[in-house]
Amino acid sequence: MSVCFRAVYAQDTLNIRPFERYWTKPRLVPKLGFGIQETGFVEVGVQLHKIYIHPLSLASAGPYLTIDGLIQDETLIVGPKLGYEITAGLLGLATDVTYYSDFDRSSVVFTPRAGISIMGFVDLFYGRNLLLSDFQFDAIDKNRFSLVFNLNTYYFNLRNAPKKKTR
């Protein structure tokens, strides 16, 4: 009985590589957040998210497509957004372009962002909105704070997450 147990235990530990480094396969995951500029907003969308497994920490990266929704003077303003985010350990960077519209007027904004990340799963970012068009909504301030969740379930079982194939 104890011989059988030892054989199973030894077999299980053969596949453990404590210093292995690799990217997980990219995965389309929900991206949800909220924040504040001149007014509060919500962000909903998807990210093609991948995680880098390293013995010292985790990193993540991927492009995303989300929509911001906010209200100014009882008018709904929506902002489809295209961007890219990269995190490493407790630091994160992102940049995006947002097309805000109230279906009557529109404004295009470029936003570089930086902040604190919990290994790419949760991000607390500060961004600086840079206007790329002539018109700006009052609800779109120069400063932007956001809390965003990248809901990749690979975080809950990294050991069994599919690895990206190497060349």
Protein backbone atom coordinates (compact mmCIF):
# COMPACT_ATOMS: atom_id res chain seq x y z
CA MET A 1 0.00 0.00 0.00
CA SER A 2 2.74 2.51 0.88
CA VAL A 3 4.74 1.55 -2.22
CA CYS A 4 1.75 2.37 -4.41
CA PHE A 5 1.26 5.72 -2.68
CA ARG A 6 4.93 6.66 -3.16
CA ALA A 7 4.80 5.80 -6.84
CA VAL A 8 1.75 8.01 -7.42
CA TYR A 9 3.28 10.86 -5.40
CA ALA A 10 6.60 10.68 -7.26
CA GLN A 11 4.84 10.56 -10.60
CA ASP A 12 2.81 13.70 -9.80
CA THR A 13 5.88 15.75 -8.81
CA LEU A 14 7.82 14.89 -11.97
CA ASN A 15 5.76 17.39 -13.99
CA ILE A 16 6.40 20.33 -11.64
CA ARG A 17 8.89 22.86 -12.98
CA PRO A 18 9.20 25.58 -10.34
CA PHE A 19 11.34 27.92 -12.49
CA GLU A 20 9.52 27.53 -15.78
CA ARG A 21 8.66 30.72 -17.70
CA TYR A 22 5.94 30.87 -20.35
CA TRP A 23 2.93 32.75 -21.75
CA THR A 24 -0.52 31.25 -21.53
CA LYS A 25 -2.53 30.97 -24.72
CA PRO A 26 -4.31 34.25 -25.45
CA ARG A 27 -7.92 34.13 -24.36
CA LEU A 28 -10.89 36.44 -24.97
CA VAL A 29 -12.02 37.52 -21.47
CA PRO A 30 -14.55 39.99 -20.06
CA LYS A 31 -13.14 43.39 -19.04
CA LEU A 32 -15.27 45.34 -16.55
CA GLY A 33 -14.57 48.59 -14.76
CA PHE A 34 -15.74 51.87 -13.40
CA GLY A 35 -14.15 55.19 -12.74
CA ILE A 36 -14.38 58.92 -12.47
CA GLN A 37 -13.50 61.83 -14.73
CA GLU A 38 -15.73 64.89 -14.46
CA THR A 39 -18.50 62.37 -13.85
CA GLY A 40 -18.61 58.65 -13.09
CA PHE A 41 -18.51 56.07 -15.87
CA VAL A 42 -18.68 52.32 -16.46
CA GLU A 43 -16.53 50.33 -18.86
CA VAL A 44 -17.59 47.00 -20.38
CA GLY A 45 -15.90 44.94 -23.07
CA VAL A 46 -13.44 42.19 -23.91
CA GLN A 47 -9.70 41.72 -23.93
CA LEU A 48 -7.52 39.20 -25.78
CA HIS A 49 -5.62 38.48 -22.57
CA LYS A 50 -2.53 36.38 -21.96
CA ILE A 51 -0.55 35.83 -18.77
CA TYR A 52 3.22 35.47 -18.43
CA ILE A 53 4.18 32.98 -15.73
CA HIS A 54 7.52 33.77 -14.06
CA PRO A 55 8.98 32.38 -10.82
CA LEU A 56 9.06 35.84 -9.22
CA SER A 57 5.75 37.30 -10.40
CA LEU A 58 3.12 37.38 -13.11
CA ALA A 59 2.68 39.69 -16.06
CA SER A 60 -0.13 40.09 -18.57
CA ALA A 61 -0.74 41.77 -21.88
CA GLY A 62 -3.30 42.16 -24.60
CA PRO A 63 -5.43 44.39 -26.80
CA TYR A 64 -8.95 45.28 -25.71
CA LEU A 65 -12.20 46.63 -27.08
CA THR A 66 -14.55 48.21 -24.55
CA ILE A 67 -17.32 50.79 -24.33
CA ASP A 68 -17.45 53.60 -21.79
CA GLY A 69 -20.87 54.78 -20.70
CA LEU A 70 -21.50 58.01 -18.82
CA ILE A 71 -24.27 60.54 -18.33
CA GLN A 72 -23.97 64.32 -18.72
CA ASP A 73 -27.03 66.49 -18.03
CA GLU A 74 -29.40 63.53 -18.53
CA THR A 75 -27.72 62.70 -21.87
CA LEU A 76 -26.12 59.30 -22.41
CA ILE A 77 -22.60 59.46 -23.84
CA VAL A 78 -21.06 56.24 -25.14
CA GLY A 79 -17.43 55.74 -25.99
CA PRO A 80 -16.23 52.72 -27.96
CA LYS A 81 -12.59 52.27 -27.05
CA LEU A 82 -9.66 50.38 -28.60
CA GLY A 83 -6.50 49.92 -26.54
CA TYR A 84 -3.61 47.82 -25.31
CA GLU A 85 -2.63 46.97 -21.73
CA ILE A 86 0.52 45.46 -20.24
CA THR A 87 1.19 44.69 -16.58
CA ALA A 88 4.11 43.25 -14.64
CA GLY A 89 3.72 42.41 -10.97
CA LEU A 90 2.30 45.50 -9.29
CA LEU A 91 2.76 47.93 -12.21
CA GLY A 92 0.56 48.47 -15.21
CA LEU A 93 0.46 50.58 -18.37
CA ALA A 94 -2.27 51.03 -20.93
CA THR A 95 -3.13 53.29 -23.80
CA ASP A 96 -6.36 53.67 -25.73
CA VAL A 97 -8.34 55.76 -28.18
CA THR A 98 -12.00 56.46 -27.40
CA TYR A 99 -14.70 57.81 -29.71
CA TYR A 100 -17.24 59.53 -27.43
CA SER A 101 -20.66 60.32 -28.87
CA ASP A 102 -24.09 61.42 -27.68
CA PHE A 103 -25.46 60.52 -31.16
CA ASP A 104 -25.50 64.22 -32.03
CA ARG A 105 -21.90 65.33 -31.38
CA SER A 106 -18.66 63.38 -31.07
CA SER A 107 -15.19 63.66 -29.61
CA VAL A 108 -12.04 61.53 -29.99
CA VAL A 109 -9.71 61.15 -27.01
CA PHE A 110 -6.29 59.47 -26.65
CA THR A 111 -5.57 58.27 -23.09
CA PRO A 112 -2.23 56.95 -21.80
CA ARG A 113 -2.70 55.35 -18.36
CA ALA A 114 -0.45 54.00 -15.62
CA GLY A 115 -0.97 52.64 -12.16
CA ILE A 116 -1.08 49.78 -9.73
CA SER A 117 -2.02 46.29 -10.87
CA ILE A 118 -2.57 43.04 -9.05
CA MET A 119 -0.72 40.98 -11.67
CA GLY A 120 -3.10 42.02 -14.44
CA PHE A 121 -6.28 40.77 -12.76
CA VAL A 122 -7.25 44.11 -11.15
CA ASP A 123 -5.90 47.51 -12.26
CA LEU A 124 -6.16 50.89 -10.54
CA PHE A 125 -5.07 53.41 -13.19
CA TYR A 126 -4.65 57.15 -13.56
CA GLY A 127 -5.02 58.41 -17.12
CA ARG A 128 -4.58 61.70 -18.89
CA ASN A 129 -7.19 62.36 -21.59
CA LEU A 130 -5.68 64.11 -24.62
CA LEU A 131 -8.26 65.58 -26.98
CA LEU A 132 -7.81 64.67 -30.68
CA SER A 133 -10.84 66.55 -32.02
CA ASP A 134 -12.20 70.10 -31.89
CA PHE A 135 -15.16 69.36 -29.60
CA GLN A 136 -14.95 68.10 -26.01
CA PHE A 137 -17.82 66.98 -23.79
CA ASP A 138 -17.92 68.64 -20.35
CA ALA A 139 -18.13 65.17 -18.77
CA ILE A 140 -14.72 64.23 -20.23
CA ASP A 141 -12.12 65.72 -17.91
CA LYS A 142 -8.36 65.80 -18.51
CA ASN A 143 -7.84 63.48 -15.53
CA ARG A 144 -9.27 59.99 -15.31
CA PHE A 145 -9.18 57.37 -12.54
CA SER A 146 -10.39 53.84 -13.17
CA LEU A 147 -10.63 50.45 -11.49
CA VAL A 148 -10.72 47.65 -14.08
CA PHE A 149 -11.06 43.86 -13.76
CA ASN A 150 -9.68 41.48 -16.40
CA LEU A 151 -11.74 38.37 -15.68
CA ASN A 152 -9.39 35.64 -16.92
CA THR A 153 -10.17 32.38 -15.10
CA TYR A 154 -6.64 31.13 -15.83
CA TYR A 155 -5.60 33.11 -12.73
CA PHE A 156 -7.47 30.59 -10.57
CA ASN A 157 -5.50 27.60 -11.89
CA LEU A 158 -2.29 28.84 -13.55
CA ARG A 159 -0.62 25.48 -13.31
CA ASN A 160 -3.16 23.95 -15.70
CA ALA A 161 -3.58 26.98 -17.99
CA PRO A 162 -2.80 26.12 -21.62
CA LYS A 163 0.63 27.30 -22.70
CA LYS A 164 1.27 29.34 -25.81
CA LYS A 165 3.13 27.24 -28.34
CA THR A 166 6.73 28.30 -28.87
CA ARG A 167 8.39 28.30 -32.26
